[in-house]
């Protein structure tokens, strides 16, 4: 069998045509996943140590050993594992494309509306659909997932923004502050507007949302729609040939957004189209700047995610990776045959461009993480992931942080057993941070390169929330969590942590300079909050608090945190759904909405 290149000698940058054909693709953009176990209830540490404080590690039992370390132990920084040989047997894996677990716990969804447009899926219906999807995969078809954003970020190269949950770049500062979001004089928010759910023919993914200085932008049915920031009126609608099936977390400085969409509209009874078209939308005007597809002989390449770094739009999937110029759409590279059967599964964008590259067979792949020249696609450095890794997710491209489930030891569908802090210049491992899946709430969709939520990078640190656990009073309903930080150079946990307080739960959204922006899920008699957490002291500042009276509170709670986009900017909070379905005649209950906006007085 052909040997792959040594760990730090990158192969030809683009592969994929002729790469091994995987089993059927996973379900589509925004499609329901299997329900997870919800927030865990970890055992408390000794009384003299705070919740989440690092503990003494156990004796080394070998990389990927299934027993988890004590809670909060970050793991000592480790060097890359010795190469055990190309094709070394990996741990068995669930069938390719089987629906993964929800990304994090949250509100229980109420009954959908009785009439009108589409409706959001109940948890029970998601389980039924997920089971049906698994059966459909067996008989040979699937729908392709695309990545979901979760907040918006101000740290990005080339003057743009990163509207996703990863840390899009280090501020370089070790102290807090320095963000754009400031506490308003009045933090008490009111409902600004509501957006009705459009009529949908079947289960339809509408994942993602973006904010400009004038608009809140959200996918519709075969369209992308911009709404006025303050009143919610439609500013423009961009019709597309088919449903959006992917979009970048990163937006250029002049508000250009890379998207993926289907070449034709979905029709009964299958309601399925391949995700093949890539394009760029001007969010200021609502115009499609350009669109294209990647040709592989007589076929179009199947794409599952797209990202942006500088002036390069990079799209990846099971057929390999391709790149285009942001402004002109001119191709920069495309998949091609590779002697080592290597292909770019996908890319992480932002201030740098990082490829996750797979080589060899599906059962025993070699996974490489490459820092690329975004114009030529040439690898600048490379890190070979340890044996037992089948997928890797880019948490941050600069500094380079990658998450993976080594040997599938996480066991909870989070897609994370370890974080890897990598020197992007040399490709050498700086630190490995073991993340006990029972204790930390960050999530990555394993087969997506840029899909992680609740893990943020900044100030030379990795920030992750703990799972929900019993509060200090021990009373029913007192559940809470914390945000803890790990040093990217050493892998050690910082002594400072942010405590959400009894009955509140942190959901990290994005970095804001050297601070974190987080949503706080509230108890039943309070409204949700948005806070800024100082990245050094971990002290929080209240930015917005939703009303606690019945009607607005019910609006807030009609969205599940497992299936919603959370965006905050300049005193405005937007909560929008990611998955819609055709209404049933028996639907009863309060009306659901595609999106709701809360805003402080201006």
Protein backbone atom coordinates (compact mmCIF):
# COMPACT_ATOMS: atom_id res chain seq x y z
CA UNK A 1 0.00 0.00 0.00
CA UNK A 2 1.32 3.43 -0.84
CA UNK A 3 2.76 5.26 2.13
CA UNK A 4 1.53 8.83 2.87
CA UNK A 5 4.09 11.64 3.07
CA UNK A 6 5.97 12.17 6.36
CA UNK A 7 4.16 14.34 8.94
CA UNK A 8 5.82 17.64 8.13
CA UNK A 9 6.32 17.25 4.40
CA UNK A 10 3.00 18.29 2.86
CA UNK A 11 1.81 16.49 -0.26
CA UNK A 12 0.24 18.09 -3.29
CA UNK A 13 -2.30 20.59 -1.91
CA UNK A 14 -5.47 19.49 -3.67
CA UNK A 15 -6.78 16.03 -4.07
CA UNK A 16 -10.06 14.33 -4.13
CA UNK A 17 -10.97 13.20 -7.63
CA UNK A 18 -10.37 9.51 -7.44
CA UNK A 19 -10.31 9.56 -3.65
CA UNK A 20 -11.95 6.56 -1.94
CA UNK A 21 -15.70 6.64 -2.21
CA UNK A 22 -17.21 6.81 1.29
CA UNK A 23 -20.48 5.28 2.31
CA UNK A 24 -23.59 7.44 1.76
CA UNK A 25 -23.34 11.05 2.86
CA UNK A 26 -24.82 12.24 6.14
CA UNK A 27 -28.21 13.98 6.34
CA UNK A 28 -28.67 17.42 4.94
CA UNK A 29 -28.13 20.99 5.89
CA UNK A 30 -30.10 21.63 9.04
CA UNK A 31 -31.53 18.10 9.14
CA UNK A 32 -32.49 16.78 12.60
CA UNK A 33 -29.96 14.87 14.65
CA UNK A 34 -30.44 12.23 17.28
CA UNK A 35 -31.34 13.69 20.66
CA UNK A 36 -28.48 13.78 23.11
CA UNK A 37 -28.45 13.10 26.81
CA UNK A 38 -28.73 16.78 27.70
CA UNK A 39 -26.57 18.45 30.29
CA UNK A 40 -24.68 16.04 32.48
CA UNK A 41 -24.52 15.97 36.24
CA UNK A 42 -20.82 15.43 37.02
CA UNK A 43 -19.68 14.42 40.47
CA UNK A 44 -18.45 17.27 42.60
CA UNK A 45 -14.68 17.57 43.22
CA UNK A 46 -13.21 17.58 46.71
CA UNK A 47 -14.51 20.34 48.93
CA UNK A 48 -11.31 22.35 48.89
CA UNK A 49 -11.30 22.65 45.09
CA UNK A 50 -13.76 24.62 42.95
CA UNK A 51 -15.95 23.02 40.36
CA UNK A 52 -13.92 22.44 37.25
CA UNK A 53 -10.56 22.87 38.98
CA UNK A 54 -7.81 20.67 37.49
CA UNK A 55 -7.11 17.48 39.41
CA UNK A 56 -4.15 15.14 39.66
CA UNK A 57 -4.04 12.98 36.51
CA UNK A 58 -4.18 9.18 36.69
CA UNK A 59 -1.37 6.97 35.58
CA UNK A 60 -0.86 7.02 31.85
CA UNK A 61 -3.02 4.30 30.32
CA UNK A 62 -2.27 5.05 26.73
CA UNK A 63 -3.59 7.47 24.17
CA UNK A 64 -7.25 6.92 23.48
CA UNK A 65 -7.80 4.68 26.52
CA UNK A 66 -11.56 4.68 27.05
CA UNK A 67 -11.58 5.62 30.73
CA UNK A 68 -11.94 9.37 31.18
CA UNK A 69 -9.58 11.38 33.40
CA UNK A 70 -10.92 13.08 36.54
CA UNK A 71 -13.19 16.02 35.85
CA UNK A 72 -11.52 19.23 34.89
CA UNK A 73 -8.10 17.72 34.26
CA UNK A 74 -6.86 19.37 31.08
CA UNK A 75 -4.31 16.72 30.30
CA UNK A 76 -0.60 17.35 30.14
CA UNK A 77 0.69 18.76 26.87
CA UNK A 78 1.85 15.89 24.70
CA UNK A 79 3.99 15.49 21.66
CA UNK A 80 2.50 13.96 18.52
CA UNK A 81 2.11 10.20 18.79
CA UNK A 82 4.63 7.99 16.98
CA UNK A 83 3.52 6.89 13.53
CA UNK A 84 2.17 3.37 13.86
CA UNK A 85 2.11 2.85 10.18
CA UNK A 86 -0.19 3.79 7.38
CA UNK A 87 -3.37 1.78 7.62
CA UNK A 88 -2.88 0.92 11.30
CA UNK A 89 -6.24 -0.42 12.54
CA UNK A 90 -8.47 2.29 13.97
CA UNK A 91 -11.31 1.87 16.41
CA UNK A 92 -14.65 0.82 14.88
CA UNK A 93 -16.97 3.66 13.90
CA UNK A 94 -20.72 4.07 13.52
CA UNK A 95 -22.01 3.96 9.94
CA UNK A 96 -20.88 6.89 7.86
CA UNK A 97 -23.41 9.68 7.79
CA UNK A 98 -25.49 8.47 10.73
CA UNK A 99 -27.12 11.46 12.45
CA UNK A 100 -24.97 12.90 15.23
CA UNK A 101 -26.00 14.16 18.64
CA UNK A 102 -27.41 17.62 19.25
CA UNK A 103 -24.80 20.23 19.91
CA UNK A 104 -25.95 21.38 23.32
CA UNK A 105 -28.90 21.19 25.64
CA UNK A 106 -31.54 23.87 25.95
CA UNK A 107 -35.20 24.63 26.08
CA UNK A 108 -37.75 21.97 25.30
CA UNK A 109 -39.67 22.91 22.20
CA UNK A 110 -43.41 23.52 22.63
CA UNK A 111 -46.12 22.27 20.32
CA UNK A 112 -46.03 23.83 16.84
CA UNK A 113 -48.65 26.26 15.50
CA UNK A 114 -52.03 25.18 14.17
CA UNK A 115 -51.85 26.94 10.86
CA UNK A 116 -49.94 29.34 8.67
CA UNK A 117 -46.49 28.61 7.35
CA UNK A 118 -44.08 25.88 8.28
CA UNK A 119 -43.34 24.80 11.80
CA UNK A 120 -40.32 23.91 13.87
CA UNK A 121 -39.70 20.27 14.62
CA UNK A 122 -40.55 18.87 18.01
CA UNK A 123 -37.96 16.72 19.74
CA UNK A 124 -40.11 13.62 19.20
CA UNK A 125 -40.51 14.31 15.50
CA UNK A 126 -36.78 14.84 15.16
CA UNK A 127 -36.19 11.35 16.57
CA UNK A 128 -38.65 9.82 14.10
CA UNK A 129 -37.13 11.67 11.17
CA UNK A 130 -33.59 10.81 12.24
CA UNK A 131 -34.51 7.13 12.31
CA UNK A 132 -36.05 7.42 8.86
CA UNK A 133 -32.91 9.13 7.63
CA UNK A 134 -30.76 6.28 8.90
CA UNK A 135 -32.91 3.82 6.93
CA UNK A 136 -32.74 6.02 3.85
CA UNK A 137 -28.97 6.07 4.07
CA UNK A 138 -28.91 2.29 4.00
CA UNK A 139 -30.79 2.20 0.70
CA UNK A 140 -28.44 4.61 -0.86
CA UNK A 141 -29.29 8.28 -0.59
CA UNK A 142 -28.77 11.09 1.84
CA UNK A 143 -28.80 14.82 2.20
CA UNK A 144 -25.69 16.81 2.89
CA UNK A 145 -25.09 18.72 6.08
CA UNK A 146 -23.68 22.22 6.12
CA UNK A 147 -22.19 24.07 9.02
CA UNK A 148 -24.11 26.18 11.44
CA UNK A 149 -23.01 29.45 13.02
CA UNK A 150 -23.69 30.53 16.54
CA UNK A 151 -23.04 34.16 17.31
CA UNK A 152 -20.86 36.61 15.45
CA UNK A 153 -17.27 37.60 15.95
CA UNK A 154 -15.11 40.62 15.38
CA UNK A 155 -11.71 38.93 15.15
CA UNK A 156 -10.95 38.11 11.53
CA UNK A 157 -8.24 38.82 9.00
CA UNK A 158 -8.59 41.24 6.11
CA UNK A 159 -10.88 43.50 8.09
CA UNK A 160 -13.90 41.21 7.92
CA UNK A 161 -15.98 39.52 10.58
CA UNK A 162 -16.40 35.96 11.70
CA UNK A 163 -20.06 35.21 12.30
CA UNK A 164 -19.62 31.84 13.94
CA UNK A 165 -18.87 30.35 17.31
CA UNK A 166 -15.18 29.68 16.89
CA UNK A 167 -12.51 32.12 18.03
CA UNK A 168 -11.44 33.47 14.61
CA UNK A 169 -8.09 34.70 15.76
CA UNK A 170 -6.08 35.65 18.81
CA UNK A 171 -6.15 39.21 20.02
CA UNK A 172 -2.59 38.81 21.18
CA UNK A 173 -3.53 40.38 24.50
CA UNK A 174 -3.42 38.44 27.73
CA UNK A 175 -5.75 40.82 29.50
CA UNK A 176 -9.46 41.33 29.10
CA UNK A 177 -11.42 44.19 27.59
CA UNK A 178 -10.82 45.72 24.22
CA UNK A 179 -14.14 44.60 22.73
CA UNK A 180 -16.70 46.65 20.82
CA UNK A 181 -19.70 45.67 22.94
CA UNK A 182 -20.30 48.05 25.84
CA UNK A 183 -22.95 47.94 28.53
CA UNK A 184 -25.84 50.29 27.66
CA UNK A 185 -27.37 52.67 30.16
CA UNK A 186 -30.50 50.52 30.22
CA UNK A 187 -29.99 46.78 29.81
CA UNK A 188 -33.68 45.83 29.96
CA UNK A 189 -34.68 44.60 26.50
CA UNK A 190 -38.06 44.43 24.78
CA UNK A 191 -39.28 42.46 21.81
CA UNK A 192 -38.29 44.44 18.71
CA UNK A 193 -39.91 42.27 16.02
CA UNK A 194 -40.93 38.73 15.04
CA UNK A 195 -40.52 37.00 11.67
CA UNK A 196 -43.18 34.51 10.61
CA UNK A 197 -42.21 31.03 9.48
CA UNK A 198 -42.46 30.70 5.68
CA UNK A 199 -44.43 27.91 4.03
CA UNK A 200 -42.17 24.94 3.44
CA UNK A 201 -42.85 21.83 1.32
CA UNK A 202 -41.05 19.43 3.65
CA UNK A 203 -38.26 19.37 6.22
CA UNK A 204 -36.16 22.39 5.25
CA UNK A 205 -32.86 23.59 6.68
CA UNK A 206 -32.53 27.34 7.18
CA UNK A 207 -29.30 27.21 9.15
CA UNK A 208 -27.37 30.40 9.76
CA UNK A 209 -27.94 34.12 10.18
CA UNK A 210 -25.81 37.20 9.72
CA UNK A 211 -25.81 40.80 10.91
CA UNK A 212 -24.68 43.88 9.00
CA UNK A 213 -24.92 47.52 10.07
CA UNK A 214 -28.41 47.65 8.49
CA UNK A 215 -29.80 44.14 8.24
CA UNK A 216 -30.45 40.81 9.89
CA UNK A 217 -30.03 38.19 7.15
CA UNK A 218 -31.59 34.73 7.25
CA UNK A 219 -32.12 31.88 4.74
CA UNK A 220 -35.67 31.38 3.52
CA UNK A 221 -37.19 28.83 1.15
CA UNK A 222 -35.01 28.82 -1.99
CA UNK A 223 -33.89 32.29 -0.99
CA UNK A 224 -31.85 34.54 1.28
CA UNK A 225 -33.73 37.39 2.97
CA UNK A 226 -32.58 40.60 4.71
CA UNK A 227 -34.68 42.25 7.41
CA UNK A 228 -34.40 45.74 8.87
CA UNK A 229 -32.41 45.63 12.12
CA UNK A 230 -34.91 47.64 14.15
CA UNK A 231 -38.35 46.94 12.68
CA UNK A 232 -37.93 43.63 10.88
CA UNK A 233 -39.31 44.78 7.53
CA UNK A 234 -37.94 42.99 4.44
CA UNK A 235 -35.11 44.98 2.83
CA UNK A 236 -34.37 42.54 0.02
CA UNK A 237 -34.93 38.96 -1.07
CA UNK A 238 -32.45 37.00 -3.17
CA UNK A 239 -34.13 34.12 -5.08
CA UNK A 240 -31.91 31.06 -5.56
CA UNK A 241 -32.18 28.08 -7.92
CA UNK A 242 -32.64 25.82 -4.90
CA UNK A 243 -32.39 25.67 -1.13
CA UNK A 244 -29.30 27.01 0.63
CA UNK A 245 -27.25 24.06 1.86
CA UNK A 246 -24.25 25.78 3.41
CA UNK A 247 -22.77 29.18 4.22
CA UNK A 248 -19.58 30.65 5.58
CA UNK A 249 -19.16 31.73 9.17
CA UNK A 250 -16.89 34.47 7.89
CA UNK A 251 -17.96 37.62 6.04
CA UNK A 252 -15.62 39.97 4.17
CA UNK A 253 -15.01 43.55 5.28
CA UNK A 254 -17.43 44.75 2.58
CA UNK A 255 -20.11 42.23 3.63
CA UNK A 256 -19.65 39.53 1.00
CA UNK A 257 -20.86 36.10 2.13
CA UNK A 258 -19.94 32.75 0.49
CA UNK A 259 -22.86 30.32 0.29
CA UNK A 260 -23.74 26.87 -1.06
CA UNK A 261 -27.09 26.09 -2.65
CA UNK A 262 -28.86 23.43 -4.68
CA UNK A 263 -29.11 23.60 -8.47
CA UNK A 264 -32.87 22.97 -8.55
CA UNK A 265 -35.89 23.22 -6.32
CA UNK A 266 -36.96 20.22 -4.28
CA UNK A 267 -39.98 18.35 -5.66
CA UNK A 268 -42.23 15.63 -4.26
CA UNK A 269 -41.98 12.91 -3.26
CA UNK A 270 -38.24 12.90 -2.60
CA UNK A 271 -37.62 16.57 -1.74
CA UNK A 272 -33.92 16.09 -2.33
CA UNK A 273 -31.26 17.77 -4.42
CA UNK A 274 -27.47 17.55 -4.39
CA UNK A 275 -25.57 20.46 -2.81
CA UNK A 276 -23.38 21.50 -5.74
CA UNK A 277 -23.51 25.28 -6.30
CA UNK A 278 -21.16 27.79 -4.68
CA UNK A 279 -21.59 31.55 -4.85
CA UNK A 280 -21.00 34.87 -3.13
CA UNK A 281 -23.76 37.23 -1.97
CA UNK A 282 -23.35 40.96 -1.37
CA UNK A 283 -25.21 41.42 1.91
CA UNK A 284 -25.43 45.18 1.35
CA UNK A 285 -27.41 44.90 -1.89
CA UNK A 286 -28.82 41.37 -1.89
CA UNK A 287 -27.16 40.59 -5.23
CA UNK A 288 -25.52 37.30 -6.17
CA UNK A 289 -22.03 38.44 -7.18
CA UNK A 290 -21.16 35.16 -8.90
CA UNK A 291 -21.97 31.44 -8.75
CA UNK A 292 -20.27 28.31 -10.05
CA UNK A 293 -19.99 24.57 -9.60
CA UNK A 294 -16.97 22.25 -9.44
CA UNK A 295 -16.84 19.87 -12.39
CA UNK A 296 -15.58 16.32 -11.98
CA UNK A 297 -15.79 14.89 -15.47
CA UNK A 298 -19.46 14.89 -16.40
CA UNK A 299 -20.59 15.32 -12.81
CA UNK A 300 -20.65 18.14 -10.30
CA UNK A 301 -18.73 17.78 -7.06
CA UNK A 302 -20.82 17.34 -3.94
CA UNK A 303 -20.09 20.08 -1.43
CA UNK A 304 -20.93 20.18 2.25
CA UNK A 305 -19.33 23.34 3.64
CA UNK A 306 -17.77 26.62 2.56
CA UNK A 307 -15.59 29.19 4.26
CA UNK A 308 -13.67 32.42 3.62
CA UNK A 309 -10.12 33.56 4.36
CA UNK A 310 -8.94 36.86 2.94
CA UNK A 311 -10.00 36.86 -0.70
CA UNK A 312 -10.30 33.07 -0.99
CA UNK A 313 -13.58 31.17 -0.91
CA UNK A 314 -12.87 27.51 -0.09
CA UNK A 315 -15.47 24.73 -0.32
CA UNK A 316 -15.07 21.09 0.61
CA UNK A 317 -16.90 17.79 0.80
CA UNK A 318 -16.64 14.10 0.04
CA UNK A 319 -15.42 14.79 -3.50
CA UNK A 320 -12.55 17.01 -2.36
CA UNK A 321 -11.90 20.72 -2.05
CA UNK A 322 -11.97 23.70 -4.38
CA UNK A 323 -11.29 27.42 -4.05
CA UNK A 324 -12.34 30.61 -5.83
CA UNK A 325 -11.49 34.29 -5.83
CA UNK A 326 -13.98 36.12 -3.61
CA UNK A 327 -14.62 39.01 -5.99
CA UNK A 328 -14.36 37.45 -9.46
CA UNK A 329 -15.23 33.80 -8.83
CA UNK A 330 -12.15 32.71 -10.78
CA UNK A 331 -11.03 29.21 -9.69
CA UNK A 332 -7.90 28.96 -7.57
CA UNK A 333 -7.81 25.16 -7.32
CA UNK A 334 -10.09 22.17 -7.69
CA UNK A 335 -10.03 18.47 -6.73
CA UNK A 336 -7.72 16.26 -8.75
CA UNK A 337 -6.35 12.75 -8.71
CA UNK A 338 -3.88 11.95 -5.95
CA UNK A 339 -1.54 8.97 -5.77
CA UNK A 340 -2.10 8.63 -2.02
CA UNK A 341 -5.88 8.84 -2.40
CA UNK A 342 -5.89 12.13 -0.51
CA UNK A 343 -8.56 14.80 -0.65
CA UNK A 344 -9.48 17.98 1.23
CA UNK A 345 -12.54 17.17 3.33
CA UNK A 346 -13.07 20.82 4.22
CA UNK A 347 -11.51 24.05 5.41
CA UNK A 348 -11.41 26.34 8.42
CA UNK A 349 -11.29 30.03 7.49
CA UNK A 350 -10.96 33.41 9.17
CA UNK A 351 -7.52 34.99 9.63
CA UNK A 352 -5.85 31.90 8.10
CA UNK A 353 -6.94 29.02 5.85
CA UNK A 354 -6.60 25.51 7.23
CA UNK A 355 -7.39 22.28 5.37
CA UNK A 356 -8.36 18.98 6.93
CA UNK A 357 -7.06 16.38 4.49
CA UNK A 358 -7.85 12.67 4.48
CA UNK A 359 -5.68 10.00 2.86
CA UNK A 360 -6.07 6.28 2.39
CA UNK A 361 -9.08 4.06 2.99
CA UNK A 362 -12.29 5.07 4.73
CA UNK A 363 -11.80 2.54 7.54
CA UNK A 364 -8.17 3.45 8.22
CA UNK A 365 -7.53 7.00 7.08
CA UNK A 366 -4.63 9.29 7.78
CA UNK A 367 -5.88 12.75 8.76
CA UNK A 368 -3.67 15.75 8.11
CA UNK A 369 -4.16 19.35 9.26
CA UNK A 370 -2.52 21.79 6.85
CA UNK A 371 -2.01 25.53 7.13
CA UNK A 372 -2.42 26.76 3.53
CA UNK A 373 -1.39 29.72 1.46
CA UNK A 374 -4.91 30.98 0.74
CA UNK A 375 -4.07 32.11 -2.79
CA UNK A 376 -2.13 29.13 -4.13
CA UNK A 377 -3.39 26.41 -1.79
CA UNK A 378 0.21 25.39 -1.08
CA UNK A 379 0.67 23.87 2.40
CA UNK A 380 2.83 26.04 4.65
CA UNK A 381 2.91 23.52 7.49
CA UNK A 382 1.31 20.22 8.38
CA UNK A 383 0.36 18.21 11.46
CA UNK A 384 -0.52 14.53 11.28
CA UNK A 385 -3.36 13.64 13.63
CA UNK A 386 -2.86 10.61 15.91
CA UNK A 387 -3.94 7.13 14.92
CA UNK A 388 -7.62 6.62 15.69
CA UNK A 389 -8.71 10.01 14.34
CA UNK A 390 -11.08 9.80 11.36
CA UNK A 391 -12.19 13.43 11.35
CA UNK A 392 -10.89 16.72 12.72
CA UNK A 393 -12.62 20.05 13.28
CA UNK A 394 -10.95 23.45 13.16
CA UNK A 395 -11.85 25.46 16.25
CA UNK A 396 -9.59 28.38 15.29
CA UNK A 397 -7.34 28.90 12.28
CA UNK A 398 -5.05 31.44 14.00
CA UNK A 399 -3.88 30.43 16.53
CA UNK A 400 -4.44 26.95 15.19
CA UNK A 401 -6.65 24.82 17.43
CA UNK A 402 -8.21 21.55 16.28
CA UNK A 403 -10.68 19.22 17.98
CA UNK A 404 -11.05 15.48 17.41
CA UNK A 405 -12.57 12.37 18.91
CA UNK A 406 -9.55 10.08 19.17
CA UNK A 407 -10.54 6.45 18.89
CA UNK A 408 -14.17 7.52 19.33
CA UNK A 409 -13.66 7.68 23.08
CA UNK A 410 -15.86 10.73 23.73
CA UNK A 411 -18.94 8.53 23.77
CA UNK A 412 -21.51 11.33 23.91
CA UNK A 413 -21.75 12.50 20.31
CA UNK A 414 -19.84 15.70 21.09
CA UNK A 415 -17.13 14.84 18.55
CA UNK A 416 -14.44 15.91 21.04
CA UNK A 417 -12.13 13.85 23.20
CA UNK A 418 -9.17 16.22 22.84
CA UNK A 419 -8.19 19.68 21.63
CA UNK A 420 -4.87 20.10 19.82
CA UNK A 421 -2.97 23.39 20.00
CA UNK A 422 -0.68 23.43 16.95
CA UNK A 423 2.07 25.81 15.89
CA UNK A 424 0.72 27.01 12.55
CA UNK A 425 4.22 27.95 11.32
CA UNK A 426 5.98 24.65 12.03
CA UNK A 427 3.14 22.15 12.25
CA UNK A 428 4.36 20.97 15.65
CA UNK A 429 2.03 20.17 18.52
CA UNK A 430 2.24 22.68 21.36
CA UNK A 431 -0.26 21.10 23.73
CA UNK A 432 -2.97 18.46 23.83
CA UNK A 433 -5.92 19.28 26.07
CA UNK A 434 -8.01 16.31 27.14
CA UNK A 435 -11.67 17.26 27.30
CA UNK A 436 -13.79 14.86 29.34
CA UNK A 437 -17.02 14.65 27.35
CA UNK A 438 -19.03 14.27 30.55
CA UNK A 439 -17.68 17.53 31.91
CA UNK A 440 -17.37 19.98 29.00
CA UNK A 441 -20.20 21.19 26.76
CA UNK A 442 -18.38 22.18 23.55
CA UNK A 443 -19.56 20.29 20.47
CA UNK A 444 -18.23 19.61 16.96
CA UNK A 445 -20.06 17.81 14.16
CA UNK A 446 -17.46 15.18 13.40
CA UNK A 447 -17.79 15.09 9.62
CA UNK A 448 -17.75 18.89 9.31
CA UNK A 449 -14.46 20.77 9.47
CA UNK A 450 -15.82 24.13 10.62
CA UNK A 451 -18.80 23.25 12.80
CA UNK A 452 -17.74 23.56 16.44
CA UNK A 453 -19.93 25.44 18.88
CA UNK A 454 -19.28 26.87 22.34
CA UNK A 455 -15.48 26.55 22.07
CA UNK A 456 -13.81 29.96 21.72
CA UNK A 457 -10.17 30.96 21.21
CA UNK A 458 -8.54 34.25 22.21
CA UNK A 459 -5.88 35.73 24.50
CA UNK A 460 -3.73 32.63 23.97
CA UNK A 461 -6.45 30.51 25.59
CA UNK A 462 -9.17 28.02 24.75
CA UNK A 463 -12.48 28.80 26.48
CA UNK A 464 -15.08 26.06 26.98
CA UNK A 465 -18.20 25.77 29.16
CA UNK A 466 -18.68 22.96 31.60
CA UNK A 467 -21.72 20.75 31.38
CA UNK A 468 -24.69 21.77 33.51
CA UNK A 469 -24.54 20.50 37.09
CA UNK A 470 -26.29 20.96 40.41
CA UNK A 471 -26.00 24.48 41.81
CA UNK A 472 -24.61 25.56 45.17
CA UNK A 473 -27.95 25.25 46.96
CA UNK A 474 -28.56 21.71 45.78
CA UNK A 475 -32.18 22.57 45.16
CA UNK A 476 -34.19 21.26 42.23
CA UNK A 477 -33.85 23.66 39.31
CA UNK A 478 -30.61 25.18 40.61
CA UNK A 479 -28.52 23.74 37.74
CA UNK A 480 -25.69 25.93 36.49
CA UNK A 481 -22.32 25.81 34.74
CA UNK A 482 -19.04 27.66 34.32
CA UNK A 483 -16.69 28.79 31.56
CA UNK A 484 -13.11 27.64 32.07
CA UNK A 485 -9.93 28.49 30.12
CA UNK A 486 -6.90 26.45 29.03
CA UNK A 487 -3.51 27.89 28.12
CA UNK A 488 -2.72 27.07 24.48
CA UNK A 489 1.03 26.92 25.14
CA UNK A 490 0.96 24.55 28.11
CA UNK A 491 -2.49 22.96 28.03
CA UNK A 492 -3.01 23.83 31.68
CA UNK A 493 -6.29 25.14 33.06
CA UNK A 494 -6.24 28.75 34.20
CA UNK A 495 -7.26 29.35 37.83
CA UNK A 496 -9.88 31.95 36.84
CA UNK A 497 -13.31 30.82 35.71
CA UNK A 498 -16.69 32.44 35.06
CA UNK A 499 -19.59 31.17 37.18
CA UNK A 500 -23.06 31.49 35.63
CA UNK A 501 -24.73 31.39 39.04
CA UNK A 502 -27.50 29.10 40.25
CA UNK A 503 -30.33 28.55 37.74
CA UNK A 504 -28.37 30.13 34.85
CA UNK A 505 -26.36 28.35 32.16
CA UNK A 506 -23.69 29.89 29.93
CA UNK A 507 -23.79 29.39 26.16
CA UNK A 508 -20.63 31.02 24.71
CA UNK A 509 -21.37 32.77 21.42
CA UNK A 510 -18.25 34.54 20.15
CA UNK A 511 -15.13 36.50 21.02
CA UNK A 512 -15.29 40.30 21.20
CA UNK A 513 -11.72 41.54 21.29
CA UNK A 514 -10.28 40.00 24.46
CA UNK A 515 -13.73 39.33 25.95
CA UNK A 516 -16.31 36.61 25.43
CA UNK A 517 -19.94 37.23 24.49
CA UNK A 518 -22.22 34.63 26.06
CA UNK A 519 -25.95 33.98 26.29
CA UNK A 520 -27.24 32.93 29.70
CA UNK A 521 -30.16 30.55 29.66
CA UNK A 522 -32.43 31.70 32.46
CA UNK A 523 -34.76 30.00 34.98
CA UNK A 524 -38.46 29.79 34.20
CA UNK A 525 -39.30 33.08 35.94
CA UNK A 526 -36.56 35.19 34.31
CA UNK A 527 -35.58 36.33 30.84
CA UNK A 528 -32.40 35.23 29.13
CA UNK A 529 -29.33 37.45 29.36
CA UNK A 530 -26.38 38.41 27.18
CA UNK A 531 -23.15 39.14 29.03
CA UNK A 532 -19.57 40.10 28.23
CA UNK A 533 -17.01 38.01 30.11
CA UNK A 534 -13.53 39.49 30.62
CA UNK A 535 -11.07 37.03 29.11
CA UNK A 536 -8.52 37.55 31.88
CA UNK A 537 -10.48 38.01 35.11
CA UNK A 538 -13.54 36.05 33.88
CA UNK A 539 -15.82 38.67 35.45
CA UNK A 540 -19.05 39.30 33.58
CA UNK A 541 -20.81 42.51 32.55
CA UNK A 542 -24.52 42.50 31.74
CA UNK A 543 -25.28 43.73 28.22
CA UNK A 544 -28.94 42.76 27.80
CA UNK A 545 -31.70 41.08 29.79
CA UNK A 546 -34.91 39.88 28.19
CA UNK A 547 -38.23 40.60 29.90
CA UNK A 548 -39.58 38.08 32.38
CA UNK A 549 -43.27 38.70 31.73
CA UNK A 550 -45.19 35.83 30.19
CA UNK A 551 -45.59 36.73 26.52
CA UNK A 552 -42.01 37.70 25.59
CA UNK A 553 -40.63 34.92 27.75
CA UNK A 554 -42.70 32.39 25.85
CA UNK A 555 -41.33 33.79 22.59
CA UNK A 556 -37.80 33.23 23.82
CA UNK A 557 -38.55 29.70 24.96
CA UNK A 558 -40.11 28.54 21.71
CA UNK A 559 -36.56 28.13 20.39
CA UNK A 560 -34.42 25.15 21.39
CA UNK A 561 -30.77 25.97 21.92
CA UNK A 562 -29.99 22.72 20.09
CA UNK A 563 -31.56 24.10 16.94
CA UNK A 564 -31.22 27.88 17.02
CA UNK A 565 -28.81 30.58 15.94
CA UNK A 566 -27.96 33.14 18.61
CA UNK A 567 -26.60 36.50 17.45
CA UNK A 568 -25.80 39.58 19.48
CA UNK A 569 -24.52 42.95 18.32
CA UNK A 570 -24.92 46.52 19.54
CA UNK A 571 -27.73 45.94 22.03
CA UNK A 572 -29.71 43.56 19.81
CA UNK A 573 -30.22 39.83 20.34
CA UNK A 574 -31.53 37.68 17.48
CA UNK A 575 -32.75 34.13 18.05
CA UNK A 576 -33.67 32.19 14.90
CA UNK A 577 -34.54 28.62 14.03
CA UNK A 578 -32.42 26.35 11.85
CA UNK A 579 -34.94 23.70 10.83
CA UNK A 580 -38.52 23.94 9.60
CA UNK A 581 -41.09 21.37 8.57
CA UNK A 582 -44.45 21.26 6.86
CA UNK A 583 -47.29 21.87 9.34
CA UNK A 584 -49.71 19.12 10.31
CA UNK A 585 -53.46 19.60 10.52
CA UNK A 586 -53.38 18.47 14.15
CA UNK A 587 -50.86 21.12 15.19
CA UNK A 588 -52.05 23.15 18.17
CA UNK A 589 -50.37 25.46 20.63
CA UNK A 590 -48.70 28.86 20.65
CA UNK A 591 -47.45 30.31 17.41
CA UNK A 592 -43.82 29.72 16.48
CA UNK A 593 -41.61 32.13 14.57
CA UNK A 594 -38.63 31.89 12.26
CA UNK A 595 -36.82 34.56 14.28
CA UNK A 596 -37.36 36.95 17.19
CA UNK A 597 -35.37 40.08 17.97
CA UNK A 598 -34.90 41.62 21.41
CA UNK A 599 -33.34 45.07 21.81
CA UNK A 600 -32.41 47.51 24.57
CA UNK A 601 -33.64 51.12 24.39
CA UNK A 602 -31.68 53.19 21.90
